[in-house]
């Protein structure tokens, strides 16, 4: 369980969109101007809220799987 919490913290540091910004390149011809946005994590990885939520979902899945295996192993050991 503790490893799942630690994995969630690591995923949050790596993938949570902590910094958001944007840029525009104006041109004399309005049709050629362009703008864009970005989201980056604390460590500078380009990310989005969906990457972060997907990462947390994967961590949650494997944490539940590990907890269930551990609980099933304890039940099998205690019944013998």
Protein backbone atom coordinates (compact mmCIF):
# COMPACT_ATOMS: atom_id res chain seq x y z
CA UNK A 1 0.00 0.00 0.00
CA UNK A 2 2.83 2.39 0.88
CA UNK A 3 4.52 1.68 -2.43
CA UNK A 4 1.30 2.66 -4.22
CA UNK A 5 1.22 5.98 -2.39
CA UNK A 6 4.86 6.62 -3.23
CA UNK A 7 4.22 5.73 -6.88
CA UNK A 8 1.28 8.17 -6.95
CA UNK A 9 3.54 10.92 -5.58
CA UNK A 10 6.17 10.19 -8.24
CA UNK A 11 3.53 10.22 -11.00
CA UNK A 12 2.19 13.52 -9.67
CA UNK A 13 5.63 15.14 -9.65
CA UNK A 14 6.37 13.86 -13.16
CA UNK A 15 2.99 14.41 -14.84
CA UNK A 16 0.84 16.97 -12.98
CA UNK A 17 0.52 20.10 -15.18
CA UNK A 18 1.94 22.59 -12.70
CA UNK A 19 2.98 25.33 -15.15
CA UNK A 20 0.75 26.58 -17.96
CA UNK A 21 1.56 29.21 -20.51
CA UNK A 22 1.05 30.41 -24.00
CA UNK A 23 2.72 32.26 -26.82
CA UNK A 24 1.76 34.16 -29.95
CA UNK A 25 3.78 35.01 -33.04
CA UNK A 26 2.14 38.01 -34.65
CA UNK A 27 2.66 38.68 -38.33
CA UNK A 28 1.87 41.60 -40.58
CA UNK A 29 -0.63 39.40 -42.42
CA UNK A 30 -3.30 38.35 -39.84
CA UNK A 31 -3.77 34.99 -41.54
CA UNK A 32 -0.18 33.97 -40.82
CA UNK A 33 -0.15 34.76 -37.08
CA UNK A 34 -0.02 31.73 -34.80
CA UNK A 35 -0.51 31.04 -31.12
CA UNK A 36 0.00 28.04 -28.87
CA UNK A 37 -0.23 26.89 -25.29
CA UNK A 38 1.75 24.50 -23.13
CA UNK A 39 1.49 22.69 -19.81
CA UNK A 40 4.56 21.39 -18.00
CA UNK A 41 5.19 19.43 -14.84
CA UNK A 42 7.43 20.56 -12.00
CA UNK A 43 10.38 18.80 -13.64
CA UNK A 44 9.67 20.34 -17.08
CA UNK A 45 7.94 17.46 -18.89
CA UNK A 46 5.27 18.54 -21.41
CA UNK A 47 2.08 17.01 -20.04
CA UNK A 48 -1.68 17.41 -19.62
CA UNK A 49 -4.28 16.68 -16.99
CA UNK A 50 -5.20 13.52 -18.95
CA UNK A 51 -1.66 12.12 -18.81
CA UNK A 52 -1.62 12.72 -15.05
CA UNK A 53 -5.02 11.11 -14.49
CA UNK A 54 -4.06 8.17 -16.70
CA UNK A 55 -0.86 7.69 -14.72
CA UNK A 56 -2.75 7.76 -11.44
CA UNK A 57 -5.30 5.26 -12.79
CA UNK A 58 -2.49 2.86 -13.73
CA UNK A 59 -0.89 3.22 -10.29
CA UNK A 60 -4.26 2.68 -8.60
CA UNK A 61 -4.94 -0.45 -10.67
CA UNK A 62 -1.61 -2.07 -9.80
CA UNK A 63 -1.87 -1.02 -6.14
CA UNK A 64 -5.30 -2.65 -5.81
CA UNK A 65 -3.98 -5.73 -7.60
CA UNK A 66 -1.03 -5.98 -5.20
CA UNK A 67 -3.19 -5.45 -2.12
CA UNK A 68 -5.64 -8.13 -3.27
CA UNK A 69 -2.82 -10.62 -3.92
CA UNK A 70 -1.33 -9.90 -0.50
CA UNK A 71 -4.72 -10.30 1.19
CA UNK A 72 -5.42 -13.54 -0.69
CA UNK A 73 -2.02 -14.90 0.31
CA UNK A 74 -2.64 -14.05 3.96
CA UNK A 75 -6.05 -15.76 3.88
CA UNK A 76 -4.55 -18.90 2.33
CA UNK A 77 -1.74 -18.98 4.91
CA UNK A 78 -4.01 -18.43 7.90
CA UNK A 79 -6.50 -21.16 6.89
CA UNK A 80 -3.88 -23.92 6.79
